C-alpha atoms as a PDB file:
ATOM      1  CA  MET A   1       7.626  30.645   4.288  1.00  0.00           C
ATOM      2  CA  GLU A   2       9.369  31.869   1.131  1.00  0.00           C
ATOM      3  CA  GLY A   3       7.305  31.033  -1.892  1.00  0.00           C
ATOM      4  CA  TRP A   4       4.316  29.955   0.204  1.00  0.00           C
ATOM      5  CA  THR A   5       0.899  31.585   0.287  1.00  0.00           C
ATOM      6  CA  PHE A   6      -0.804  32.140   3.639  1.00  0.00           C
ATOM      7  CA  THR A   7      -4.553  32.618   3.459  1.00  0.00           C
ATOM      8  CA  LEU A   8      -7.207  33.466   6.018  1.00  0.00           C
ATOM      9  CA  ARG A   9      -8.084  29.765   6.183  1.00  0.00           C
ATOM     10  CA  ASP A  10      -4.439  28.930   6.896  1.00  0.00           C
ATOM     11  CA  ALA A  11      -4.431  31.443   9.754  1.00  0.00           C
ATOM     12  CA  GLN A  12      -7.666  30.036  11.172  1.00  0.00           C
ATOM     13  CA  VAL A  13      -6.415  26.444  11.041  1.00  0.00           C
ATOM     14  CA  THR A  14      -3.118  27.448  12.649  1.00  0.00           C
ATOM     15  CA  ILE A  15      -4.870  29.230  15.519  1.00  0.00           C
ATOM     16  CA  ALA A  16      -7.268  26.312  16.000  1.00  0.00           C
ATOM     17  CA  ARG A  17      -4.428  23.779  16.161  1.00  0.00           C
ATOM     18  CA  GLU A  18      -2.450  25.948  18.578  1.00  0.00           C
ATOM     19  CA  TYR A  19      -5.461  25.645  20.891  1.00  0.00           C
ATOM     20  CA  GLY A  20      -5.597  21.893  20.324  1.00  0.00           C
ATOM     21  CA  PHE A  21      -8.399  21.538  17.768  1.00  0.00           C
ATOM     22  CA  ASP A  22      -8.355  19.922  14.344  1.00  0.00           C
ATOM     23  CA  SER A  23     -10.094  22.802  12.606  1.00  0.00           C
ATOM     24  CA  TRP A  24     -11.506  26.309  12.957  1.00  0.00           C
ATOM     25  CA  THR A  25     -14.993  24.774  12.941  1.00  0.00           C
ATOM     26  CA  ASP A  26     -14.125  22.645  15.977  1.00  0.00           C
ATOM     27  CA  LEU A  27     -12.705  25.667  17.791  1.00  0.00           C
ATOM     28  CA  MET A  28     -15.829  27.705  17.074  1.00  0.00           C
ATOM     29  CA  ALA A  29     -18.006  24.834  18.249  1.00  0.00           C
ATOM     30  CA  GLU A  30     -16.113  24.737  21.549  1.00  0.00           C
ATOM     31  CA  VAL A  31     -16.482  28.506  21.946  1.00  0.00           C
ATOM     32  CA  GLU A  32     -20.225  28.152  21.382  1.00  0.00           C
ATOM     33  CA  GLY A  33     -20.522  25.561  24.134  1.00  0.00           C
ATOM     34  CA  GLU A  34     -20.249  22.274  22.263  1.00  0.00           C
ATOM     35  CA  ARG A  35     -17.825  19.640  23.533  1.00  0.00           C
ATOM     36  CA  VAL A  36     -15.054  18.949  21.035  1.00  0.00           C
ATOM     37  CA  GLU A  37     -12.033  16.699  21.592  1.00  0.00           C
ATOM     38  CA  ARG A  38      -8.789  18.619  21.729  1.00  0.00           C
ATOM     39  CA  TRP A  39      -5.259  17.443  21.172  1.00  0.00           C
ATOM     40  CA  GLY A  40      -4.462  14.897  23.849  1.00  0.00           C
ATOM     41  CA  GLU A  41      -1.626  12.602  24.817  1.00  0.00           C
ATOM     42  CA  ALA A  42      -3.024  10.067  22.340  1.00  0.00           C
ATOM     43  CA  ARG A  43      -1.906  12.399  19.578  1.00  0.00           C
ATOM     44  CA  TRP A  44       1.613  12.672  20.909  1.00  0.00           C
ATOM     45  CA  SER A  45       4.583  10.637  19.805  1.00  0.00           C
ATOM     46  CA  ASP A  46       5.462   7.759  22.127  1.00  0.00           C
ATOM     47  CA  ALA A  47       8.941   9.264  22.284  1.00  0.00           C
ATOM     48  CA  VAL A  48       7.506  12.135  24.297  1.00  0.00           C
ATOM     49  CA  GLY A  49       4.760  10.299  26.131  1.00  0.00           C
ATOM     50  CA  GLN A  50       6.997   7.462  27.337  1.00  0.00           C
ATOM     51  CA  SER A  51      10.171   9.404  28.115  1.00  0.00           C
ATOM     52  CA  MET A  52       8.927  10.370  31.590  1.00  0.00           C
ATOM     53  CA  MET A  53       8.274   6.706  32.368  1.00  0.00           C
ATOM     54  CA  LEU A  54      11.722   5.785  31.055  1.00  0.00           C
ATOM     55  CA  ALA A  55      13.384   8.328  33.330  1.00  0.00           C
ATOM     56  CA  HIS A  56      11.360   6.931  36.227  1.00  0.00           C
ATOM     57  CA  ARG A  57      12.419   3.359  35.434  1.00  0.00           C
ATOM     58  CA  LEU A  58      16.057   4.458  35.319  1.00  0.00           C
ATOM     59  CA  GLY A  59      15.650   6.069  38.728  1.00  0.00           C
ATOM     60  CA  HIS A  60      16.340   9.581  37.450  1.00  0.00           C
ATOM     61  CA  ARG A  61      14.936  12.630  39.167  1.00  0.00           C
ATOM     62  CA  PHE A  62      14.428  14.506  35.884  1.00  0.00           C
ATOM     63  CA  VAL A  63      13.374  13.675  32.347  1.00  0.00           C
ATOM     64  CA  MET A  64      15.702  15.269  29.802  1.00  0.00           C
ATOM     65  CA  GLY A  65      16.282  15.439  26.060  1.00  0.00           C
ATOM     66  CA  GLU A  66      18.402  12.303  26.222  1.00  0.00           C
ATOM     67  CA  HIS A  67      15.458  10.322  27.562  1.00  0.00           C
ATOM     68  CA  VAL A  68      13.416  11.443  24.564  1.00  0.00           C
ATOM     69  CA  LEU A  69      16.274  10.482  22.234  1.00  0.00           C
ATOM     70  CA  LEU A  70      16.407   7.026  23.828  1.00  0.00           C
ATOM     71  CA  GLN A  71      12.703   6.587  23.149  1.00  0.00           C
ATOM     72  CA  LEU A  72      13.231   7.586  19.513  1.00  0.00           C
ATOM     73  CA  LEU A  73      15.910   4.913  19.238  1.00  0.00           C
ATOM     74  CA  ALA A  74      13.704   2.142  20.658  1.00  0.00           C
ATOM     75  CA  PRO A  75      10.151   2.523  19.290  1.00  0.00           C
ATOM     76  CA  LYS A  76       7.549  -0.243  19.477  1.00  0.00           C
ATOM     77  CA  LYS A  77       8.095  -0.752  15.762  1.00  0.00           C
ATOM     78  CA  PRO A  78      10.663   0.859  13.414  1.00  0.00           C
ATOM     79  CA  THR A  79       9.983   4.445  12.378  1.00  0.00           C
ATOM     80  CA  ALA A  80      11.604   6.793   9.907  1.00  0.00           C
ATOM     81  CA  ALA A  81      13.141   8.595  12.890  1.00  0.00           C
ATOM     82  CA  SER A  82      14.693   5.427  14.341  1.00  0.00           C
ATOM     83  CA  GLU A  83      15.989   4.400  10.924  1.00  0.00           C
ATOM     84  CA  VAL A  84      17.634   7.788  10.376  1.00  0.00           C
ATOM     85  CA  LEU A  85      19.281   7.702  13.813  1.00  0.00           C
ATOM     86  CA  ASP A  86      20.544   4.190  13.133  1.00  0.00           C
ATOM     87  CA  GLU A  87      21.847   5.301   9.751  1.00  0.00           C
ATOM     88  CA  LEU A  88      23.735   8.116  11.467  1.00  0.00           C
ATOM     89  CA  GLY A  89      25.294   5.621  13.853  1.00  0.00           C
ATOM     90  CA  ILE A  90      23.603   6.914  16.997  1.00  0.00           C
ATOM     91  CA  ARG A  91      23.125   3.898  19.259  1.00  0.00           C
ATOM     92  CA  TYR A  92      20.880   3.351  22.259  1.00  0.00           C
ATOM     93  CA  ASP A  93      23.699   2.110  24.490  1.00  0.00           C
ATOM     94  CA  ASP A  94      25.881   5.111  23.637  1.00  0.00           C
ATOM     95  CA  VAL A  95      23.150   7.585  24.580  1.00  0.00           C
ATOM     96  CA  LEU A  96      22.359   5.665  27.759  1.00  0.00           C
ATOM     97  CA  GLU A  97      26.041   5.635  28.720  1.00  0.00           C
ATOM     98  CA  ARG A  98      26.274   9.369  28.189  1.00  0.00           C
ATOM     99  CA  LEU A  99      23.145   9.894  30.250  1.00  0.00           C
ATOM    100  CA  GLU A 100      24.592   7.867  33.099  1.00  0.00           C
ATOM    101  CA  ARG A 101      27.837   9.866  32.964  1.00  0.00           C
ATOM    102  CA  MET A 102      25.832  13.006  33.639  1.00  0.00           C
ATOM    103  CA  GLU A 103      25.298  11.667  37.163  1.00  0.00           C
ATOM    104  CA  ILE A 104      21.686  12.757  37.236  1.00  0.00           C
ATOM    105  CA  GLU A 105      20.425  12.793  40.784  1.00  0.00           C
ATOM    106  CA  THR A 106      18.549   9.582  41.487  1.00  0.00           C
ATOM    107  CA  GLU A 107      14.866   9.668  42.114  1.00  0.00           C
ATOM    108  CA  ASP A 108      13.630  10.549  45.577  1.00  0.00           C
ATOM    109  CA  GLU A 109      10.564   8.457  46.348  1.00  0.00           C
ATOM    110  CA  SER A 110       8.917  11.421  48.037  1.00  0.00           C
ATOM    111  CA  GLN A 111       9.269  13.610  44.936  1.00  0.00           C
ATOM    112  CA  GLY A 112       9.256  11.251  41.967  1.00  0.00           C
ATOM    113  CA  THR A 113      10.446  12.169  38.472  1.00  0.00           C
ATOM    114  CA  GLY A 114       9.988  15.717  37.244  1.00  0.00           C
ATOM    115  CA  SER A 115      10.645  17.479  33.955  1.00  0.00           C
ATOM    116  CA  THR A 116      13.130  20.120  32.891  1.00  0.00           C
ATOM    117  CA  PRO A 117      12.692  23.278  30.789  1.00  0.00           C
ATOM    118  CA  VAL A 118      14.561  21.508  27.973  1.00  0.00           C
ATOM    119  CA  PHE A 119      11.970  18.731  27.954  1.00  0.00           C
ATOM    120  CA  HIS A 120       9.099  21.219  27.712  1.00  0.00           C
ATOM    121  CA  MET A 121      10.912  23.190  25.015  1.00  0.00           C
ATOM    122  CA  LEU A 122      11.268  20.024  22.958  1.00  0.00           C
ATOM    123  CA  ARG A 123       7.560  19.279  23.408  1.00  0.00           C
ATOM    124  CA  SER A 124       6.626  22.778  22.298  1.00  0.00           C
ATOM    125  CA  LEU A 125       8.988  22.761  19.336  1.00  0.00           C
ATOM    126  CA  ALA A 126       7.767  19.364  18.187  1.00  0.00           C
ATOM    127  CA  GLN A 127       4.151  20.513  18.374  1.00  0.00           C
ATOM    128  CA  GLY A 128       5.018  23.739  16.552  1.00  0.00           C
ATOM    129  CA  ILE A 129       6.669  21.773  13.748  1.00  0.00           C
ATOM    130  CA  ALA A 130       3.637  19.495  13.529  1.00  0.00           C
ATOM    131  CA  ILE A 131       1.236  22.442  13.361  1.00  0.00           C
ATOM    132  CA  GLY A 132       3.419  24.208  10.810  1.00  0.00           C
ATOM    133  CA  MET A 133       3.360  21.128   8.595  1.00  0.00           C
ATOM    134  CA  GLY A 134      -0.427  20.817   8.853  1.00  0.00           C
ATOM    135  CA  SER A 135      -0.483  17.766  11.120  1.00  0.00           C
ATOM    136  CA  THR A 136      -2.802  17.195  14.069  1.00  0.00           C
ATOM    137  CA  THR A 137      -0.528  14.512  15.494  1.00  0.00           C
ATOM    138  CA  VAL A 138       3.024  14.883  16.827  1.00  0.00           C
ATOM    139  CA  THR A 139       5.117  12.076  15.342  1.00  0.00           C
ATOM    140  CA  ASP A 140       8.563  10.760  16.211  1.00  0.00           C
ATOM    141  CA  GLU A 141       9.825  12.589  13.134  1.00  0.00           C
ATOM    142  CA  HIS A 142       8.566  15.949  14.452  1.00  0.00           C
ATOM    143  CA  VAL A 143      10.278  15.214  17.759  1.00  0.00           C
ATOM    144  CA  LEU A 144      13.530  14.289  16.005  1.00  0.00           C
ATOM    145  CA  LEU A 145      13.476  17.582  14.085  1.00  0.00           C
ATOM    146  CA  ALA A 146      12.902  19.449  17.348  1.00  0.00           C
ATOM    147  CA  ILE A 147      15.878  17.698  18.925  1.00  0.00           C
ATOM    148  CA  ALA A 148      18.083  18.333  15.904  1.00  0.00           C
ATOM    149  CA  TYR A 149      17.268  22.021  15.491  1.00  0.00           C
ATOM    150  CA  GLY A 150      15.832  23.090  18.837  1.00  0.00           C
ATOM    151  CA  ASP A 151      19.088  24.471  20.267  1.00  0.00           C
ATOM    152  CA  PRO A 152      17.789  23.949  23.816  1.00  0.00           C
ATOM    153  CA  GLU A 153      21.011  24.697  25.682  1.00  0.00           C
ATOM    154  CA  GLY A 154      23.132  26.616  23.209  1.00  0.00           C
ATOM    155  CA  HIS A 155      23.858  23.444  21.222  1.00  0.00           C
ATOM    156  CA  ASN A 156      21.579  20.932  19.611  1.00  0.00           C
ATOM    157  CA  ARG A 157      21.330  17.385  20.873  1.00  0.00           C
ATOM    158  CA  LEU A 158      23.058  15.785  17.896  1.00  0.00           C
ATOM    159  CA  VAL A 159      26.203  17.897  17.770  1.00  0.00           C
ATOM    160  CA  MET A 160      27.556  16.000  20.768  1.00  0.00           C
ATOM    161  CA  TYR A 161      27.280  12.829  18.675  1.00  0.00           C
ATOM    162  CA  GLU A 162      29.304  14.477  15.883  1.00  0.00           C
ATOM    163  CA  PHE A 163      26.600  14.507  13.227  1.00  0.00           C
ATOM    164  CA  ASP A 164      25.290  17.389  11.205  1.00  0.00           C
ATOM    165  CA  PRO A 165      21.572  17.931  11.950  1.00  0.00           C
ATOM    166  CA  ASP A 166      21.023  18.541   8.238  1.00  0.00           C
ATOM    167  CA  ASP A 167      21.722  14.825   7.786  1.00  0.00           C
ATOM    168  CA  VAL A 168      18.520  14.210   9.733  1.00  0.00           C
ATOM    169  CA  VAL A 169      16.535  16.239   7.219  1.00  0.00           C
ATOM    170  CA  ASP A 170      18.148  14.439   4.294  1.00  0.00           C
ATOM    171  CA  GLY A 171      17.420  11.072   5.879  1.00  0.00           C
ATOM    172  CA  LEU A 172      13.770  11.894   6.548  1.00  0.00           C
ATOM    173  CA  ARG A 173      13.254  13.287   3.056  1.00  0.00           C
ATOM    174  CA  ALA A 174      14.799  10.164   1.552  1.00  0.00           C
ATOM    175  CA  ARG A 175      12.070   8.204   3.348  1.00  0.00           C
ATOM    176  CA  GLY A 176       9.292  10.357   1.973  1.00  0.00           C
ATOM    177  CA  ILE A 177       8.757  12.396   5.145  1.00  0.00           C
ATOM    178  CA  VAL A 178       7.647  15.969   4.518  1.00  0.00           C
ATOM    179  CA  VAL A 179       9.854  18.333   6.511  1.00  0.00           C
ATOM    180  CA  PRO A 180       9.871  22.131   6.784  1.00  0.00           C
ATOM    181  CA  ARG A 181      12.372  24.216   4.888  1.00  0.00           C
ATOM    182  CA  ILE A 182      15.428  24.472   7.083  1.00  0.00           C
ATOM    183  CA  GLY A 183      17.807  26.735   5.179  1.00  0.00           C
ATOM    184  CA  PRO A 184      17.790  30.542   5.374  1.00  0.00           C
ATOM    185  CA  LEU A 185      15.521  32.483   3.067  1.00  0.00           C
ATOM    186  CA  THR A 186      17.092  33.560  -0.198  1.00  0.00           C
ATOM    187  CA  MET A 187      16.332  36.618  -2.269  1.00  0.00           C
ATOM    188  CA  ALA A 188      15.368  36.440  -5.914  1.00  0.00           C
ATOM    189  CA  ALA A 189      18.168  38.898  -6.704  1.00  0.00           C
ATOM    190  CA  PRO A 190      21.055  40.532  -4.819  1.00  0.00           C
ATOM    191  CA  VAL A 191      20.129  43.621  -2.805  1.00  0.00           C
ATOM    192  CA  GLY A 192      21.299  46.698  -4.689  1.00  0.00           C
ATOM    193  CA  PRO A 193      22.145  50.227  -3.444  1.00  0.00           C
ATOM    194  CA  TRP A 194      19.501  51.857  -1.270  1.00  0.00           C
ATOM    195  CA  GLY A 195      17.466  54.821  -2.422  1.00  0.00           C
ATOM    196  CA  PRO A 196      16.310  57.854  -0.413  1.00  0.00           C
ATOM    197  CA  PHE A 197      13.974  57.960   2.578  1.00  0.00           C
ATOM    198  CA  ILE A 198      10.539  59.221   1.516  1.00  0.00           C
ATOM    199  CA  TYR A 199       8.416  60.778   4.299  1.00  0.00           C
ATOM    200  CA  TYR A 200       4.630  61.043   3.991  1.00  0.00           C
ATOM    201  CA  LEU A 201       1.506  61.203   6.167  1.00  0.00           C
ATOM    202  CA  PRO A 202       0.275  57.891   7.629  1.00  0.00           C
ATOM    203  CA  ARG A 203      -3.182  58.216   6.075  1.00  0.00           C
ATOM    204  CA  HIS A 204      -1.598  57.509   2.692  1.00  0.00           C
ATOM    205  CA  SER A 205       0.137  54.296   3.828  1.00  0.00           C
ATOM    206  CA  ALA A 206      -2.485  51.939   2.408  1.00  0.00           C
ATOM    207  CA  ALA A 207      -2.256  53.519  -1.051  1.00  0.00           C
ATOM    208  CA  VAL A 208       1.561  53.481  -1.027  1.00  0.00           C
ATOM    209  CA  HIS A 209       1.704  49.870   0.180  1.00  0.00           C
ATOM    210  CA  GLU A 210      -0.809  48.713  -2.424  1.00  0.00           C
ATOM    211  CA  ILE A 211       1.271  50.099  -5.276  1.00  0.00           C
ATOM    212  CA  LEU A 212       4.577  48.779  -3.905  1.00  0.00           C
ATOM    213  CA  THR A 213       3.187  45.321  -3.127  1.00  0.00           C
ATOM    214  CA  ASP A 214       1.692  45.048  -6.589  1.00  0.00           C
ATOM    215  CA  ARG A 215       4.825  46.172  -8.422  1.00  0.00           C
ATOM    216  CA  TYR A 216       7.487  44.802  -6.050  1.00  0.00           C
ATOM    217  CA  PRO A 217       6.043  41.808  -4.149  1.00  0.00           C
ATOM    218  CA  PRO A 218       7.963  40.095  -1.299  1.00  0.00           C
ATOM    219  CA  GLY A 219      10.972  38.136  -2.511  1.00  0.00           C
ATOM    220  CA  THR A 220      11.813  40.567  -5.322  1.00  0.00           C
ATOM    221  CA  VAL A 221      13.200  44.080  -4.872  1.00  0.00           C
ATOM    222  CA  GLN A 222      13.627  45.094  -1.229  1.00  0.00           C
ATOM    223  CA  TRP A 223      11.703  47.920   0.430  1.00  0.00           C
ATOM    224  CA  GLY A 224      10.288  48.698   3.876  1.00  0.00           C
ATOM    225  CA  THR A 225       8.334  51.248   5.888  1.00  0.00           C
ATOM    226  CA  ASN A 226       8.280  52.480   9.483  1.00  0.00           C
ATOM    227  CA  THR A 227       7.036  55.256  11.742  1.00  0.00           C
ATOM    228  CA  SER A 228       9.541  58.101  11.794  1.00  0.00           C
ATOM    229  CA  ARG A 229      11.576  58.570  14.960  1.00  0.00           C
ATOM    230  CA  GLN A 230      12.473  62.122  13.980  1.00  0.00           C
ATOM    231  CA  LYS A 231       9.637  63.607  11.917  1.00  0.00           C
ATOM    232  CA  GLU A 232       6.644  63.519  14.216  1.00  0.00           C
ATOM    233  CA  GLY A 233       3.365  62.475  12.637  1.00  0.00           C
ATOM    234  CA  TYR A 234       5.046  60.966   9.574  1.00  0.00           C
ATOM    235  CA  VAL A 235       6.011  57.550   8.272  1.00  0.00           C
ATOM    236  CA  TYR A 236       8.738  56.783   5.793  1.00  0.00           C
ATOM    237  CA  VAL A 237       9.449  54.247   3.096  1.00  0.00           C
ATOM    238  CA  HIS A 238      12.753  53.381   1.478  1.00  0.00           C
ATOM    239  CA  GLY A 239      14.103  50.600  -0.674  1.00  0.00           C
ATOM    240  CA  GLU A 240      16.551  49.717  -3.394  1.00  0.00           C
ATOM    241  CA  ASP A 241      17.290  52.643  -5.674  1.00  0.00           C
ATOM    242  CA  GLU A 242      15.871  50.895  -8.730  1.00  0.00           C
ATOM    243  CA  ILE A 243      12.414  51.580  -7.261  1.00  0.00           C
ATOM    244  CA  PRO A 244      11.108  55.002  -8.345  1.00  0.00           C
ATOM    245  CA  MET A 245      10.023  55.578  -4.752  1.00  0.00           C
ATOM    246  CA  GLU A 246       9.528  59.339  -4.923  1.00  0.00           C
ATOM    247  CA  GLU A 247       7.341  59.015  -8.018  1.00  0.00           C
ATOM    248  CA  ILE A 248       5.262  56.242  -6.423  1.00  0.00           C
ATOM    249  CA  VAL A 249       4.681  58.073  -3.151  1.00  0.00           C
ATOM    250  CA  LYS A 250       3.860  61.419  -4.722  1.00  0.00           C
ATOM    251  CA  GLY A 251       1.465  59.679  -7.075  1.00  0.00           C
ATOM    252  CA  ALA A 252      -0.295  57.978  -4.164  1.00  0.00           C
ATOM    253  CA  VAL A 253      -0.792  60.948  -1.821  1.00  0.00           C
ATOM    254  CA  GLN A 254      -3.388  63.692  -2.165  1.00  0.00           C
ATOM    255  CA  ASP A 255      -0.939  66.566  -1.651  1.00  0.00           C
ATOM    256  CA  PRO A 256       2.598  65.924  -2.995  1.00  0.00           C
ATOM    257  CA  SER A 257       3.853  69.019  -1.133  1.00  0.00           C
ATOM    258  CA  THR A 258       3.556  67.031   2.128  1.00  0.00           C
ATOM    259  CA  VAL A 259       6.174  64.548   0.892  1.00  0.00           C
ATOM    260  CA  GLU A 260       9.802  64.987   1.959  1.00  0.00           C
ATOM    261  CA  VAL A 261      12.687  63.264   0.179  1.00  0.00           C
ATOM    262  CA  VAL A 262      15.895  62.705   2.168  1.00  0.00           C
ATOM    263  CA  PRO A 263      19.100  61.039   0.868  1.00  0.00           C
ATOM    264  CA  PHE A 264      19.599  57.545   2.244  1.00  0.00           C
ATOM    265  CA  ASP A 265      22.630  58.279   4.466  1.00  0.00           C
ATOM    266  CA  GLU A 266      20.959  61.355   5.949  1.00  0.00           C
ATOM    267  CA  GLY A 267      17.688  59.527   6.531  1.00  0.00           C
ATOM    268  CA  LEU A 268      19.488  56.596   8.155  1.00  0.00           C
ATOM    269  CA  ASP A 269      21.356  58.955  10.477  1.00  0.00           C
ATOM    270  CA  ARG A 270      18.310  60.987  11.467  1.00  0.00           C
ATOM    271  CA  GLU A 271      16.214  57.899  12.206  1.00  0.00           C
ATOM    272  CA  ALA A 272      19.024  56.264  14.197  1.00  0.00           C
ATOM    273  CA  HIS A 273      19.323  59.352  16.422  1.00  0.00           C
ATOM    274  CA  GLY A 274      15.720  60.478  16.519  1.00  0.00           C
ATOM    275  CA  ARG A 275      14.073  61.165  19.834  1.00  0.00           C
ATOM    276  CA  ARG A 276      10.829  59.329  19.237  1.00  0.00           C
ATOM    277  CA  GLY A 277      10.478  55.574  19.499  1.00  0.00           C
ATOM    278  CA  SER A 278       9.543  53.680  16.369  1.00  0.00           C
ATOM    279  CA  THR A 279       6.667  51.218  16.107  1.00  0.00           C
END
């Protein structure tokens, strides 16, 4: 979320969509007794909705990630996801052959076709990506991203086909598909040497945080706070030594004599071996 803002409205919409509603208003209407349509299978990518049927047609006991990948490769009409997979050289017959080599137990008529944890993880990841990107519909592209980056069994589903999952992102972006930021967060500047641990009473936390957030917002100079494991009834703050932390804290509290300043190495050692659990 680096560089993004996250407002109360964003939080409300996210919660509403996690419960299957388009908006916070729809969620509140449901809570108040009005009937509102939630997310349903109609809002799911065919790649997910039809993969169970595909596994059944193939006589397989379980639906797996490969079945979903096969559906992505053979949509009713071309999609950005199918085009990217084709561009990467991933072919339907190759995936089907690999699936058959797995020797999946054939379907027992008395039990039918079931699902695996991997399948449900892919569903959840795809929906999470959709929600995170502000969509109320799970598309084939969301499913493809979930397959590429989901790491369902210690390796993603495209590594076995010898392609870098980042190529999926590049291919989708080239087709105008909005995708989440994949790379690790980066800092605006390198993290410098750490300054001392500053201990103060919890009732002053709001004042200390307000000053630090205003002067050193997230993504700039690094600092953090926690409940002390060693000094009962106190919290501490520490950060890069370019922050005048002692001056800030003593200026924010009512009684500066309650503030304790401890060198970084000493503070790190005492908190690592303190008896109390941190929160």
